[in-house]
């Protein structure tokens, strides 16, 4: 596998992951009540906890994208 192939792979991973994050965010903004109703079927969550869980989840997902897709991509761009 060449460096160019790995770079392309990491770039596509980052792009797809950001698309997933964007869809999650849009669902959270525009369909929050539907999501909350769906999740409260299984878990009894107050509104504040529901919001905090999703906000923290999006933050951790974004951090994972940085650490596992963008940083290796940038490092490979720097070295060659």
PDB file of N, CA and C in Angstrom:
ATOM      1  N   UNK A   1       0.846  -1.170   0.000  1.00  0.00           N
ATOM      2  CA  UNK A   1       0.000   0.000   0.000  1.00  0.00           C
ATOM      3  C   UNK A   1       0.897   1.241   0.000  1.00  0.00           C
ATOM      4  N   UNK A   2       0.618   2.169  -0.882  1.00  0.00           N
ATOM      5  CA  UNK A   2       1.449   3.362  -0.986  1.00  0.00           C
ATOM      6  C   UNK A   2       0.960   4.442  -0.016  1.00  0.00           C
ATOM      7  N   UNK A   3       1.832   5.426   0.194  1.00  0.00           N
ATOM      8  CA  UNK A   3       1.447   6.545   1.066  1.00  0.00           C
ATOM      9  C   UNK A   3       0.252   7.305   0.490  1.00  0.00           C
ATOM     10  N   UNK A   4       0.216   7.428  -0.811  1.00  0.00           N
ATOM     11  CA  UNK A   4      -0.903   8.148  -1.435  1.00  0.00           C
ATOM     12  C   UNK A   4      -2.227   7.422  -1.196  1.00  0.00           C
ATOM     13  N   UNK A   5      -2.213   6.117  -1.239  1.00  0.00           N
ATOM     14  CA  UNK A   5      -3.426   5.336  -0.970  1.00  0.00           C
ATOM     15  C   UNK A   5      -3.871   5.514   0.479  1.00  0.00           C
ATOM     16  N   UNK A   6      -2.924   5.490   1.396  1.00  0.00           N
ATOM     17  CA  UNK A   6      -3.262   5.667   2.811  1.00  0.00           C
ATOM     18  C   UNK A   6      -3.790   7.071   3.057  1.00  0.00           C
ATOM     19  N   UNK A   7      -3.156   8.068   2.435  1.00  0.00           N
ATOM     20  CA  UNK A   7      -3.638   9.447   2.568  1.00  0.00           C
ATOM     21  C   UNK A   7      -5.061   9.586   2.048  1.00  0.00           C
ATOM     22  N   UNK A   8      -5.328   9.009   0.899  1.00  0.00           N
ATOM     23  CA  UNK A   8      -6.677   9.078   0.335  1.00  0.00           C
ATOM     24  C   UNK A   8      -7.683   8.374   1.244  1.00  0.00           C
ATOM     25  N   UNK A   9      -7.278   7.228   1.786  1.00  0.00           N
ATOM     26  CA  UNK A   9      -8.143   6.494   2.713  1.00  0.00           C
ATOM     27  C   UNK A   9      -8.488   7.344   3.937  1.00  0.00           C
ATOM     28  N   UNK A  10      -7.476   7.969   4.534  1.00  0.00           N
ATOM     29  CA  UNK A  10      -7.706   8.788   5.728  1.00  0.00           C
ATOM     30  C   UNK A  10      -8.553  10.017   5.408  1.00  0.00           C
ATOM     31  N   UNK A  11      -8.341  10.599   4.243  1.00  0.00           N
ATOM     32  CA  UNK A  11      -9.145  11.752   3.849  1.00  0.00           C
ATOM     33  C   UNK A  11     -10.615  11.359   3.693  1.00  0.00           C
ATOM     34  N   UNK A  12     -10.870  10.218   3.036  1.00  0.00           N
ATOM     35  CA  UNK A  12     -12.250   9.755   2.886  1.00  0.00           C
ATOM     36  C   UNK A  12     -12.865   9.380   4.228  1.00  0.00           C
ATOM     37  N   UNK A  13     -12.067   8.779   5.108  1.00  0.00           N
ATOM     38  CA  UNK A  13     -12.569   8.456   6.457  1.00  0.00           C
ATOM     39  C   UNK A  13     -13.010   9.716   7.181  1.00  0.00           C
ATOM     40  N   UNK A  14     -12.176  10.752   7.126  1.00  0.00           N
ATOM     41  CA  UNK A  14     -12.520  12.011   7.782  1.00  0.00           C
ATOM     42  C   UNK A  14     -13.771  12.618   7.175  1.00  0.00           C
ATOM     43  N   UNK A  15     -13.867  12.612   5.870  1.00  0.00           N
ATOM     44  CA  UNK A  15     -15.029  13.187   5.197  1.00  0.00           C
ATOM     45  C   UNK A  15     -16.311  12.443   5.563  1.00  0.00           C
ATOM     46  N   UNK A  16     -16.269  11.133   5.518  1.00  0.00           N
ATOM     47  CA  UNK A  16     -17.452  10.337   5.870  1.00  0.00           C
ATOM     48  C   UNK A  16     -17.827  10.527   7.334  1.00  0.00           C
ATOM     49  N   UNK A  17     -16.833  10.543   8.208  1.00  0.00           N
ATOM     50  CA  UNK A  17     -17.117  10.744   9.628  1.00  0.00           C
ATOM     51  C   UNK A  17     -17.704  12.124   9.904  1.00  0.00           C
ATOM     52  N   UNK A  18     -17.207  13.156   9.217  1.00  0.00           N
ATOM     53  CA  UNK A  18     -17.799  14.480   9.388  1.00  0.00           C
ATOM     54  C   UNK A  18     -19.221  14.525   8.846  1.00  0.00           C
ATOM     55  N   UNK A  19     -19.516  13.788   7.793  1.00  0.00           N
ATOM     56  CA  UNK A  19     -20.886  13.715   7.277  1.00  0.00           C
ATOM     57  C   UNK A  19     -21.807  13.061   8.314  1.00  0.00           C
ATOM     58  N   UNK A  20     -21.333  11.994   8.948  1.00  0.00           N
ATOM     59  CA  UNK A  20     -22.116  11.340  10.003  1.00  0.00           C
ATOM     60  C   UNK A  20     -22.349  12.303  11.163  1.00  0.00           C
ATOM     61  N   UNK A  21     -21.310  13.031  11.555  1.00  0.00           N
ATOM     62  CA  UNK A  21     -21.442  14.011  12.632  1.00  0.00           C
ATOM     63  C   UNK A  21     -22.432  15.104  12.261  1.00  0.00           C
ATOM     64  N   UNK A  22     -22.396  15.560  11.027  1.00  0.00           N
ATOM     65  CA  UNK A  22     -23.327  16.591  10.576  1.00  0.00           C
ATOM     66  C   UNK A  22     -24.763  16.086  10.598  1.00  0.00           C
ATOM     67  N   UNK A  23     -24.995  14.856  10.146  1.00  0.00           N
ATOM     68  CA  UNK A  23     -26.345  14.278  10.183  1.00  0.00           C
ATOM     69  C   UNK A  23     -26.824  14.156  11.627  1.00  0.00           C
ATOM     70  N   UNK A  24     -25.951  13.695  12.518  1.00  0.00           N
ATOM     71  CA  UNK A  24     -26.300  13.594  13.938  1.00  0.00           C
ATOM     72  C   UNK A  24     -26.688  14.963  14.476  1.00  0.00           C
ATOM     73  N   UNK A  25     -25.886  15.990  14.166  1.00  0.00           N
ATOM     74  CA  UNK A  25     -26.156  17.342  14.641  1.00  0.00           C
ATOM     75  C   UNK A  25     -27.483  17.858  14.098  1.00  0.00           C
ATOM     76  N   UNK A  26     -27.735  17.636  12.803  1.00  0.00           N
ATOM     77  CA  UNK A  26     -28.983  18.109  12.209  1.00  0.00           C
ATOM     78  C   UNK A  26     -30.196  17.408  12.808  1.00  0.00           C
ATOM     79  N   UNK A  27     -30.074  16.103  13.052  1.00  0.00           N
ATOM     80  CA  UNK A  27     -31.157  15.394  13.734  1.00  0.00           C
ATOM     81  C   UNK A  27     -31.362  15.964  15.127  1.00  0.00           C
ATOM     82  N   UNK A  28     -30.282  16.257  15.816  1.00  0.00           N
ATOM     83  CA  UNK A  28     -30.387  16.782  17.178  1.00  0.00           C
ATOM     84  C   UNK A  28     -31.046  18.163  17.179  1.00  0.00           C
ATOM     85  N   UNK A  29     -30.745  18.969  16.189  1.00  0.00           N
ATOM     86  CA  UNK A  29     -31.310  20.322  16.139  1.00  0.00           C
ATOM     87  C   UNK A  29     -32.763  20.306  15.663  1.00  0.00           C
ATOM     88  N   UNK A  30     -33.042  19.577  14.585  1.00  0.00           N
ATOM     89  CA  UNK A  30     -34.356  19.664  13.969  1.00  0.00           C
ATOM     90  C   UNK A  30     -35.324  18.553  14.370  1.00  0.00           C
ATOM     91  N   UNK A  31     -34.838  17.440  14.891  1.00  0.00           N
ATOM     92  CA  UNK A  31     -35.724  16.334  15.279  1.00  0.00           C
ATOM     93  C   UNK A  31     -35.429  15.895  16.711  1.00  0.00           C
ATOM     94  N   UNK A  32     -35.084  16.855  17.561  1.00  0.00           N
ATOM     95  CA  UNK A  32     -34.707  16.538  18.938  1.00  0.00           C
ATOM     96  C   UNK A  32     -35.835  15.855  19.700  1.00  0.00           C
ATOM     97  N   UNK A  33     -37.052  16.364  19.551  1.00  0.00           N
ATOM     98  CA  UNK A  33     -38.180  15.768  20.280  1.00  0.00           C
ATOM     99  C   UNK A  33     -38.433  14.333  19.844  1.00  0.00           C
ATOM    100  N   UNK A  34     -38.340  14.071  18.536  1.00  0.00           N
ATOM    101  CA  UNK A  34     -38.505  12.709  18.037  1.00  0.00           C
ATOM    102  C   UNK A  34     -37.417  11.794  18.586  1.00  0.00           C
ATOM    103  N   UNK A  35     -36.172  12.275  18.580  1.00  0.00           N
ATOM    104  CA  UNK A  35     -35.061  11.467  19.125  1.00  0.00           C
ATOM    105  C   UNK A  35     -35.261  11.202  20.615  1.00  0.00           C
ATOM    106  N   UNK A  36     -35.674  12.220  21.332  1.00  0.00           N
ATOM    107  CA  UNK A  36     -35.878  12.050  22.773  1.00  0.00           C
ATOM    108  C   UNK A  36     -37.002  11.056  23.050  1.00  0.00           C
ATOM    109  N   UNK A  37     -38.089  11.155  22.283  1.00  0.00           N
ATOM    110  CA  UNK A  37     -39.203  10.219  22.465  1.00  0.00           C
ATOM    111  C   UNK A  37     -38.760   8.788  22.161  1.00  0.00           C
ATOM    112  N   UNK A  38     -37.941   8.628  21.119  1.00  0.00           N
ATOM    113  CA  UNK A  38     -37.432   7.310  20.766  1.00  0.00           C
ATOM    114  C   UNK A  38     -36.542   6.745  21.880  1.00  0.00           C
ATOM    115  N   UNK A  39     -35.666   7.562  22.425  1.00  0.00           N
ATOM    116  CA  UNK A  39     -34.739   7.089  23.455  1.00  0.00           C
ATOM    117  C   UNK A  39     -35.414   6.883  24.808  1.00  0.00           C
ATOM    118  N   UNK A  40     -36.445   7.664  25.099  1.00  0.00           N
ATOM    119  CA  UNK A  40     -37.113   7.480  26.393  1.00  0.00           C
ATOM    120  C   UNK A  40     -37.984   6.230  26.427  1.00  0.00           C
ATOM    121  N   UNK A  41     -38.134   5.557  25.306  1.00  0.00           N
ATOM    122  CA  UNK A  41     -38.803   4.248  25.345  1.00  0.00           C
ATOM    123  C   UNK A  41     -37.950   3.242  26.118  1.00  0.00           C
ATOM    124  N   UNK A  42     -36.639   3.381  26.005  1.00  0.00           N
ATOM    125  CA  UNK A  42     -35.721   2.444  26.649  1.00  0.00           C
ATOM    126  C   UNK A  42     -35.127   2.989  27.934  1.00  0.00           C
ATOM    127  N   UNK A  43     -34.907   4.287  27.994  1.00  0.00           N
ATOM    128  CA  UNK A  43     -34.237   4.898  29.148  1.00  0.00           C
ATOM    129  C   UNK A  43     -35.070   6.066  29.645  1.00  0.00           C
ATOM    130  N   UNK A  44     -35.167   6.182  30.948  1.00  0.00           N
ATOM    131  CA  UNK A  44     -35.861   7.328  31.544  1.00  0.00           C
ATOM    132  C   UNK A  44     -34.835   8.437  31.742  1.00  0.00           C
ATOM    133  N   UNK A  45     -34.797   9.354  30.783  1.00  0.00           N
ATOM    134  CA  UNK A  45     -33.814  10.427  30.808  1.00  0.00           C
ATOM    135  C   UNK A  45     -34.493  11.784  30.931  1.00  0.00           C
ATOM    136  N   UNK A  46     -34.052  12.591  31.878  1.00  0.00           N
ATOM    137  CA  UNK A  46     -34.522  13.981  31.886  1.00  0.00           C
ATOM    138  C   UNK A  46     -33.960  14.717  30.663  1.00  0.00           C
ATOM    139  N   UNK A  47     -34.602  15.800  30.287  1.00  0.00           N
ATOM    140  CA  UNK A  47     -34.195  16.555  29.102  1.00  0.00           C
ATOM    141  C   UNK A  47     -32.748  17.016  29.223  1.00  0.00           C
ATOM    142  N   UNK A  48     -32.342  17.491  30.379  1.00  0.00           N
ATOM    143  CA  UNK A  48     -30.976  17.991  30.560  1.00  0.00           C
ATOM    144  C   UNK A  48     -29.946  16.880  30.352  1.00  0.00           C
ATOM    145  N   UNK A  49     -30.232  15.680  30.859  1.00  0.00           N
ATOM    146  CA  UNK A  49     -29.308  14.561  30.674  1.00  0.00           C
ATOM    147  C   UNK A  49     -29.259  14.120  29.214  1.00  0.00           C
ATOM    148  N   UNK A  50     -30.400  14.106  28.566  1.00  0.00           N
ATOM    149  CA  UNK A  50     -30.447  13.753  27.151  1.00  0.00           C
ATOM    150  C   UNK A  50     -29.576  14.699  26.335  1.00  0.00           C
ATOM    151  N   UNK A  51     -29.729  15.999  26.577  1.00  0.00           N
ATOM    152  CA  UNK A  51     -28.926  16.986  25.858  1.00  0.00           C
ATOM    153  C   UNK A  51     -27.443  16.831  26.165  1.00  0.00           C
ATOM    154  N   UNK A  52     -27.117  16.627  27.434  1.00  0.00           N
ATOM    155  CA  UNK A  52     -25.710  16.490  27.834  1.00  0.00           C
ATOM    156  C   UNK A  52     -25.069  15.249  27.225  1.00  0.00           C
ATOM    157  N   UNK A  53     -25.806  14.157  27.177  1.00  0.00           N
ATOM    158  CA  UNK A  53     -25.277  12.919  26.595  1.00  0.00           C
ATOM    159  C   UNK A  53     -24.980  13.109  25.106  1.00  0.00           C
ATOM    160  N   UNK A  54     -25.907  13.724  24.399  1.00  0.00           N
ATOM    161  CA  UNK A  54     -25.684  13.932  22.964  1.00  0.00           C
ATOM    162  C   UNK A  54     -24.575  14.944  22.707  1.00  0.00           C
ATOM    163  N   UNK A  55     -24.523  15.996  23.495  1.00  0.00           N
ATOM    164  CA  UNK A  55     -23.466  16.988  23.331  1.00  0.00           C
ATOM    165  C   UNK A  55     -22.093  16.362  23.596  1.00  0.00           C
ATOM    166  N   UNK A  56     -21.989  15.587  24.665  1.00  0.00           N
ATOM    167  CA  UNK A  56     -20.727  14.909  24.978  1.00  0.00           C
ATOM    168  C   UNK A  56     -20.390  13.858  23.923  1.00  0.00           C
ATOM    169  N   UNK A  57     -21.395  13.142  23.457  1.00  0.00           N
ATOM    170  CA  UNK A  57     -21.163  12.140  22.413  1.00  0.00           C
ATOM    171  C   UNK A  57     -20.644  12.763  21.132  1.00  0.00           C
ATOM    172  N   UNK A  58     -21.223  13.883  20.734  1.00  0.00           N
ATOM    173  CA  UNK A  58     -20.747  14.572  19.532  1.00  0.00           C
ATOM    174  C   UNK A  58     -19.322  15.078  19.725  1.00  0.00           C
ATOM    175  N   UNK A  59     -19.031  15.569  20.925  1.00  0.00           N
ATOM    176  CA  UNK A  59     -17.676  16.035  21.205  1.00  0.00           C
ATOM    177  C   UNK A  59     -16.658  14.909  21.159  1.00  0.00           C
ATOM    178  N   UNK A  60     -16.993  13.769  21.741  1.00  0.00           N
ATOM    179  CA  UNK A  60     -16.081  12.624  21.706  1.00  0.00           C
ATOM    180  C   UNK A  60     -15.914  12.078  20.290  1.00  0.00           C
ATOM    181  N   UNK A  61     -16.986  12.066  19.534  1.00  0.00           N
ATOM    182  CA  UNK A  61     -16.916  11.605  18.139  1.00  0.00           C
ATOM    183  C   UNK A  61     -16.013  12.532  17.325  1.00  0.00           C
ATOM    184  N   UNK A  62     -16.169  13.837  17.548  1.00  0.00           N
ATOM    185  CA  UNK A  62     -15.336  14.802  16.840  1.00  0.00           C
ATOM    186  C   UNK A  62     -13.875  14.643  17.234  1.00  0.00           C
ATOM    187  N   UNK A  63     -13.601  14.424  18.505  1.00  0.00           N
ATOM    188  CA  UNK A  63     -12.243  14.183  18.968  1.00  0.00           C
ATOM    189  C   UNK A  63     -11.668  12.918  18.327  1.00  0.00           C
ATOM    190  N   UNK A  64     -12.478  11.886  18.216  1.00  0.00           N
ATOM    191  CA  UNK A  64     -12.037  10.661  17.560  1.00  0.00           C
ATOM    192  C   UNK A  64     -11.692  10.884  16.099  1.00  0.00           C
ATOM    193  N   UNK A  65     -12.481  11.716  15.424  1.00  0.00           N
ATOM    194  CA  UNK A  65     -12.170  12.038  14.029  1.00  0.00           C
ATOM    195  C   UNK A  65     -10.824  12.732  13.936  1.00  0.00           C
ATOM    196  N   UNK A  66     -10.601  13.690  14.823  1.00  0.00           N
ATOM    197  CA  UNK A  66      -9.315  14.398  14.835  1.00  0.00           C
ATOM    198  C   UNK A  66      -8.155  13.436  15.060  1.00  0.00           C
ATOM    199  N   UNK A  67      -8.291  12.609  16.100  1.00  0.00           N
ATOM    200  CA  UNK A  67      -7.175  11.753  16.496  1.00  0.00           C
ATOM    201  C   UNK A  67      -6.898  10.622  15.517  1.00  0.00           C
ATOM    202  N   UNK A  68      -7.937  10.031  14.952  1.00  0.00           N
ATOM    203  CA  UNK A  68      -7.749   8.830  14.153  1.00  0.00           C
ATOM    204  C   UNK A  68      -7.819   9.040  12.642  1.00  0.00           C
ATOM    205  N   UNK A  69      -8.258  10.217  12.194  1.00  0.00           N
ATOM    206  CA  UNK A  69      -8.311  10.468  10.754  1.00  0.00           C
ATOM    207  C   UNK A  69      -7.487  11.681  10.349  1.00  0.00           C
ATOM    208  N   UNK A  70      -7.752  12.815  10.988  1.00  0.00           N
ATOM    209  CA  UNK A  70      -7.106  14.044  10.540  1.00  0.00           C
ATOM    210  C   UNK A  70      -5.630  14.134  10.923  1.00  0.00           C
ATOM    211  N   UNK A  71      -5.299  13.799  12.148  1.00  0.00           N
ATOM    212  CA  UNK A  71      -3.893  13.885  12.568  1.00  0.00           C
ATOM    213  C   UNK A  71      -3.002  12.937  11.758  1.00  0.00           C
ATOM    214  N   UNK A  72      -3.380  11.663  11.563  1.00  0.00           N
ATOM    215  CA  UNK A  72      -2.549  10.816  10.699  1.00  0.00           C
ATOM    216  C   UNK A  72      -2.473  11.331   9.260  1.00  0.00           C
ATOM    217  N   UNK A  73      -3.583  11.870   8.737  1.00  0.00           N
ATOM    218  CA  UNK A  73      -3.577  12.427   7.396  1.00  0.00           C
ATOM    219  C   UNK A  73      -2.587  13.592   7.293  1.00  0.00           C
ATOM    220  N   UNK A  74      -2.650  14.498   8.249  1.00  0.00           N
ATOM    221  CA  UNK A  74      -1.732  15.660   8.246  1.00  0.00           C
ATOM    222  C   UNK A  74      -0.289  15.197   8.398  1.00  0.00           C
ATOM    223  N   UNK A  75      -0.056  14.219   9.268  1.00  0.00           N
ATOM    224  CA  UNK A  75       1.302  13.703   9.451  1.00  0.00           C
ATOM    225  C   UNK A  75       1.838  13.092   8.159  1.00  0.00           C
ATOM    226  N   UNK A  76       0.992  12.349   7.443  1.00  0.00           N
ATOM    227  CA  UNK A  76       1.425  11.772   6.172  1.00  0.00           C
ATOM    228  C   UNK A  76       1.650  12.836   5.116  1.00  0.00           C
ATOM    229  N   UNK A  77       0.883  13.909   5.155  1.00  0.00           N
ATOM    230  CA  UNK A  77       1.108  15.017   4.238  1.00  0.00           C
ATOM    231  C   UNK A  77       2.456  15.697   4.532  1.00  0.00           C
ATOM    232  N   UNK A  78       2.793  15.816   5.808  1.00  0.00           N
ATOM    233  CA  UNK A  78       4.049  16.480   6.187  1.00  0.00           C
ATOM    234  C   UNK A  78       5.260  15.659   5.746  1.00  0.00           C
ATOM    235  N   UNK A  79       5.196  14.339   5.947  1.00  0.00           N
ATOM    236  CA  UNK A  79       6.372  13.523   5.643  1.00  0.00           C
ATOM    237  C   UNK A  79       6.548  13.220   4.160  1.00  0.00           C
ATOM    238  N   UNK A  80       5.523  13.435   3.372  1.00  0.00           N
ATOM    239  CA  UNK A  80       5.795  13.155   1.981  1.00  0.00           C
ATOM    240  C   UNK A  80       4.622  13.110   1.148  1.00  0.00           C
TER     241      UNK A  80
END
